[in-house]
Amino acid sequence: MEQENKLKITTKTTKIPLYCPDNRIRVCVVDRLKDVKSFRDTVEDADQYDVADAVLFIDESKKYTTFTMIFEREHIGAGHIAHESIHMKNHIFGSIGIELDPANDEPEAYFMQWLVDFATSVWKKDQERFQKDE
């Protein structure tokens, strides 16, 4: 019975390569967005996110900035990862002054590839940990 109430969270944090290595990216897979305390602590009313299935938030409260993507386990998929990764890439690039250039998009494409691969690795880890529970 106690096991049922235990939060199931898979999370991984890493430094952002190349563009701003002093900052961090965190990816979380959870049952509900509100399961992530650091997210709850940054919003006035976490209940307003009850209809969301993924969210991006930025924590600048430490000596480095952490860009966090949270996905609800029930809804996560390749499309959701790509969607939130675009938002994150735009926030990161905007925060360090990188302007997107459609005529020279290789740096953007490499970063998106890395970011999607990173988020997907957390999703796969979550599946390995909790798929057997279902």
C-alpha atoms as a PDB file:
ATOM      1  CA  MET A   1       0.000   0.000   0.000  1.00  0.00           C
ATOM      2  CA  GLU A   2       2.809   2.404   0.865  1.00  0.00           C
ATOM      3  CA  GLN A   3       4.426   1.699  -2.518  1.00  0.00           C
ATOM      4  CA  GLU A   4       1.331   3.080  -4.309  1.00  0.00           C
ATOM      5  CA  ASN A   5       1.867   6.558  -2.825  1.00  0.00           C
ATOM      6  CA  LYS A   6       5.581   6.690  -3.602  1.00  0.00           C
ATOM      7  CA  LEU A   7       6.414   9.246  -6.283  1.00  0.00           C
ATOM      8  CA  LYS A   8       7.835   7.783  -9.458  1.00  0.00           C
ATOM      9  CA  ILE A   9      10.256  10.325 -10.883  1.00  0.00           C
ATOM     10  CA  THR A  10      13.050   9.803 -13.372  1.00  0.00           C
ATOM     11  CA  THR A  11      15.334  12.799 -13.736  1.00  0.00           C
ATOM     12  CA  LYS A  12      18.723  13.607 -15.185  1.00  0.00           C
ATOM     13  CA  THR A  13      20.692  16.844 -15.149  1.00  0.00           C
ATOM     14  CA  THR A  14      23.705  17.767 -17.254  1.00  0.00           C
ATOM     15  CA  LYS A  15      25.762  20.786 -18.197  1.00  0.00           C
ATOM     16  CA  ILE A  16      24.858  22.425 -21.496  1.00  0.00           C
ATOM     17  CA  PRO A  17      27.665  21.607 -23.930  1.00  0.00           C
ATOM     18  CA  LEU A  18      29.274  24.177 -26.202  1.00  0.00           C
ATOM     19  CA  TYR A  19      26.937  27.162 -25.785  1.00  0.00           C
ATOM     20  CA  CYS A  20      26.786  27.749 -22.040  1.00  0.00           C
ATOM     21  CA  PRO A  21      28.558  25.005 -20.076  1.00  0.00           C
ATOM     22  CA  ASP A  22      28.056  26.805 -16.756  1.00  0.00           C
ATOM     23  CA  ASN A  23      24.294  26.252 -16.997  1.00  0.00           C
ATOM     24  CA  ARG A  24      22.284  23.049 -16.714  1.00  0.00           C
ATOM     25  CA  ILE A  25      19.548  21.140 -18.475  1.00  0.00           C
ATOM     26  CA  ARG A  26      17.271  18.886 -16.456  1.00  0.00           C
ATOM     27  CA  VAL A  27      14.705  16.456 -17.838  1.00  0.00           C
ATOM     28  CA  CYS A  28      12.077  14.858 -15.588  1.00  0.00           C
ATOM     29  CA  VAL A  29       9.466  12.187 -16.300  1.00  0.00           C
ATOM     30  CA  VAL A  30       6.712  12.042 -13.680  1.00  0.00           C
ATOM     31  CA  ASP A  31       3.127  10.977 -13.118  1.00  0.00           C
ATOM     32  CA  ARG A  32       2.020  14.598 -12.615  1.00  0.00           C
ATOM     33  CA  LEU A  33       3.873  17.838 -13.297  1.00  0.00           C
ATOM     34  CA  LYS A  34       3.247  18.892  -9.707  1.00  0.00           C
ATOM     35  CA  ASP A  35       5.326  15.908  -8.508  1.00  0.00           C
ATOM     36  CA  VAL A  36       8.439  18.023  -9.134  1.00  0.00           C
ATOM     37  CA  LYS A  37       8.951  20.204  -6.070  1.00  0.00           C
ATOM     38  CA  SER A  38      11.290  22.676  -7.771  1.00  0.00           C
ATOM     39  CA  PHE A  39       8.525  23.328 -10.327  1.00  0.00           C
ATOM     40  CA  ARG A  40       5.830  23.751  -7.660  1.00  0.00           C
ATOM     41  CA  ASP A  41       8.075  26.206  -5.850  1.00  0.00           C
ATOM     42  CA  THR A  42       8.424  28.459  -8.915  1.00  0.00           C
ATOM     43  CA  VAL A  43       4.729  28.983  -9.705  1.00  0.00           C
ATOM     44  CA  GLU A  44       1.987  30.681  -7.724  1.00  0.00           C
ATOM     45  CA  ASP A  45      -0.660  28.071  -8.535  1.00  0.00           C
ATOM     46  CA  ALA A  46       0.576  24.674  -9.680  1.00  0.00           C
ATOM     47  CA  ASP A  47      -3.057  23.586 -10.114  1.00  0.00           C
ATOM     48  CA  GLN A  48      -3.273  25.743 -13.247  1.00  0.00           C
ATOM     49  CA  TYR A  49      -1.027  23.161 -14.918  1.00  0.00           C
ATOM     50  CA  ASP A  50      -3.441  20.266 -14.334  1.00  0.00           C
ATOM     51  CA  VAL A  51      -4.382  20.282 -18.035  1.00  0.00           C
ATOM     52  CA  ALA A  52      -0.762  20.411 -19.249  1.00  0.00           C
ATOM     53  CA  ASP A  53       1.189  17.261 -20.069  1.00  0.00           C
ATOM     54  CA  ALA A  54       4.631  18.865 -20.354  1.00  0.00           C
ATOM     55  CA  VAL A  55       6.206  22.093 -19.207  1.00  0.00           C
ATOM     56  CA  LEU A  56       9.458  24.014 -19.481  1.00  0.00           C
ATOM     57  CA  PHE A  57      10.658  26.212 -16.642  1.00  0.00           C
ATOM     58  CA  ILE A  58      13.815  28.126 -15.895  1.00  0.00           C
ATOM     59  CA  ASP A  59      15.387  28.319 -12.429  1.00  0.00           C
ATOM     60  CA  GLU A  60      17.879  31.147 -11.997  1.00  0.00           C
ATOM     61  CA  SER A  61      18.031  30.954  -8.199  1.00  0.00           C
ATOM     62  CA  LYS A  62      21.499  29.388  -8.026  1.00  0.00           C
ATOM     63  CA  LYS A  63      24.897  30.469  -9.347  1.00  0.00           C
ATOM     64  CA  TYR A  64      23.930  28.778 -12.612  1.00  0.00           C
ATOM     65  CA  THR A  65      20.666  28.639 -14.560  1.00  0.00           C
ATOM     66  CA  THR A  66      18.817  25.345 -14.885  1.00  0.00           C
ATOM     67  CA  PHE A  67      16.476  24.851 -17.838  1.00  0.00           C
ATOM     68  CA  THR A  68      14.035  22.068 -16.946  1.00  0.00           C
ATOM     69  CA  MET A  69      11.643  20.055 -19.100  1.00  0.00           C
ATOM     70  CA  ILE A  70       9.054  17.994 -17.239  1.00  0.00           C
ATOM     71  CA  PHE A  71       6.963  15.374 -19.020  1.00  0.00           C
ATOM     72  CA  GLU A  72       4.018  13.432 -17.686  1.00  0.00           C
ATOM     73  CA  ARG A  73       4.694   9.726 -18.138  1.00  0.00           C
ATOM     74  CA  GLU A  74       1.270   8.985 -19.596  1.00  0.00           C
ATOM     75  CA  HIS A  75       1.688  11.490 -22.432  1.00  0.00           C
ATOM     76  CA  ILE A  76       5.399  11.584 -23.244  1.00  0.00           C
ATOM     77  CA  GLY A  77       6.399  10.693 -26.780  1.00  0.00           C
ATOM     78  CA  ALA A  78       8.824  11.678 -29.509  1.00  0.00           C
ATOM     79  CA  GLY A  79       6.608  14.562 -30.592  1.00  0.00           C
ATOM     80  CA  HIS A  80       6.387  15.974 -27.073  1.00  0.00           C
ATOM     81  CA  ILE A  81      10.131  15.732 -26.641  1.00  0.00           C
ATOM     82  CA  ALA A  82      10.735  17.557 -29.941  1.00  0.00           C
ATOM     83  CA  HIS A  83       8.118  20.201 -29.073  1.00  0.00           C
ATOM     84  CA  GLU A  84       9.571  21.024 -25.637  1.00  0.00           C
ATOM     85  CA  SER A  85      13.129  20.809 -26.994  1.00  0.00           C
ATOM     86  CA  ILE A  86      12.371  23.574 -29.490  1.00  0.00           C
ATOM     87  CA  HIS A  87      11.078  25.779 -26.678  1.00  0.00           C
ATOM     88  CA  MET A  88      14.153  25.010 -24.583  1.00  0.00           C
ATOM     89  CA  LYS A  89      16.575  25.630 -27.456  1.00  0.00           C
ATOM     90  CA  ASN A  90      14.930  28.995 -28.147  1.00  0.00           C
ATOM     91  CA  HIS A  91      15.168  30.011 -24.460  1.00  0.00           C
ATOM     92  CA  ILE A  92      18.794  28.943 -24.225  1.00  0.00           C
ATOM     93  CA  PHE A  93      19.812  30.615 -27.470  1.00  0.00           C
ATOM     94  CA  GLY A  94      17.892  33.763 -26.520  1.00  0.00           C
ATOM     95  CA  SER A  95      19.535  33.889 -23.091  1.00  0.00           C
ATOM     96  CA  ILE A  96      23.022  33.945 -24.605  1.00  0.00           C
ATOM     97  CA  GLY A  97      22.261  36.106 -27.635  1.00  0.00           C
ATOM     98  CA  ILE A  98      22.384  33.514 -30.410  1.00  0.00           C
ATOM     99  CA  GLU A  99      20.208  34.590 -33.325  1.00  0.00           C
ATOM    100  CA  LEU A 100      18.767  31.802 -35.456  1.00  0.00           C
ATOM    101  CA  ASP A 101      19.884  31.857 -39.088  1.00  0.00           C
ATOM    102  CA  PRO A 102      17.907  29.708 -41.555  1.00  0.00           C
ATOM    103  CA  ALA A 103      20.781  30.033 -44.044  1.00  0.00           C
ATOM    104  CA  ASN A 104      23.220  28.610 -41.480  1.00  0.00           C
ATOM    105  CA  ASP A 105      21.193  26.286 -39.263  1.00  0.00           C
ATOM    106  CA  GLU A 106      23.769  23.555 -38.697  1.00  0.00           C
ATOM    107  CA  PRO A 107      24.672  24.743 -35.145  1.00  0.00           C
ATOM    108  CA  GLU A 108      20.961  24.798 -34.277  1.00  0.00           C
ATOM    109  CA  ALA A 109      20.422  21.343 -35.795  1.00  0.00           C
ATOM    110  CA  TYR A 110      23.354  19.831 -33.872  1.00  0.00           C
ATOM    111  CA  PHE A 111      22.106  21.319 -30.610  1.00  0.00           C
ATOM    112  CA  MET A 112      18.555  20.080 -31.249  1.00  0.00           C
ATOM    113  CA  GLN A 113      19.893  16.608 -32.009  1.00  0.00           C
ATOM    114  CA  TRP A 114      21.843  16.582 -28.753  1.00  0.00           C
ATOM    115  CA  LEU A 115      18.902  17.949 -26.754  1.00  0.00           C
ATOM    116  CA  VAL A 116      16.356  15.481 -28.172  1.00  0.00           C
ATOM    117  CA  ASP A 117      18.797  12.597 -27.640  1.00  0.00           C
ATOM    118  CA  PHE A 118      19.336  13.686 -24.021  1.00  0.00           C
ATOM    119  CA  ALA A 119      15.602  13.941 -23.282  1.00  0.00           C
ATOM    120  CA  THR A 120      14.953  10.625 -25.040  1.00  0.00           C
ATOM    121  CA  SER A 121      17.602   8.918 -22.900  1.00  0.00           C
ATOM    122  CA  VAL A 122      15.714  10.008 -19.767  1.00  0.00           C
ATOM    123  CA  TRP A 123      12.446   8.736 -21.253  1.00  0.00           C
ATOM    124  CA  LYS A 124      14.054   5.353 -22.045  1.00  0.00           C
ATOM    125  CA  LYS A 125      15.511   5.141 -18.535  1.00  0.00           C
ATOM    126  CA  ASP A 126      12.040   5.854 -17.136  1.00  0.00           C
ATOM    127  CA  GLN A 127      10.497   3.119 -19.279  1.00  0.00           C
ATOM    128  CA  GLU A 128      13.094   0.618 -18.048  1.00  0.00           C
ATOM    129  CA  ARG A 129      12.461   1.566 -14.419  1.00  0.00           C
ATOM    130  CA  PHE A 130       8.673   1.705 -14.385  1.00  0.00           C
ATOM    131  CA  GLN A 131       7.368  -0.321 -17.328  1.00  0.00           C
ATOM    132  CA  LYS A 132       7.529  -3.467 -15.220  1.00  0.00           C
ATOM    133  CA  ASP A 133       5.239  -1.789 -12.635  1.00  0.00           C
ATOM    134  CA  GLU A 134       2.327  -1.599 -15.047  1.00  0.00           C
END
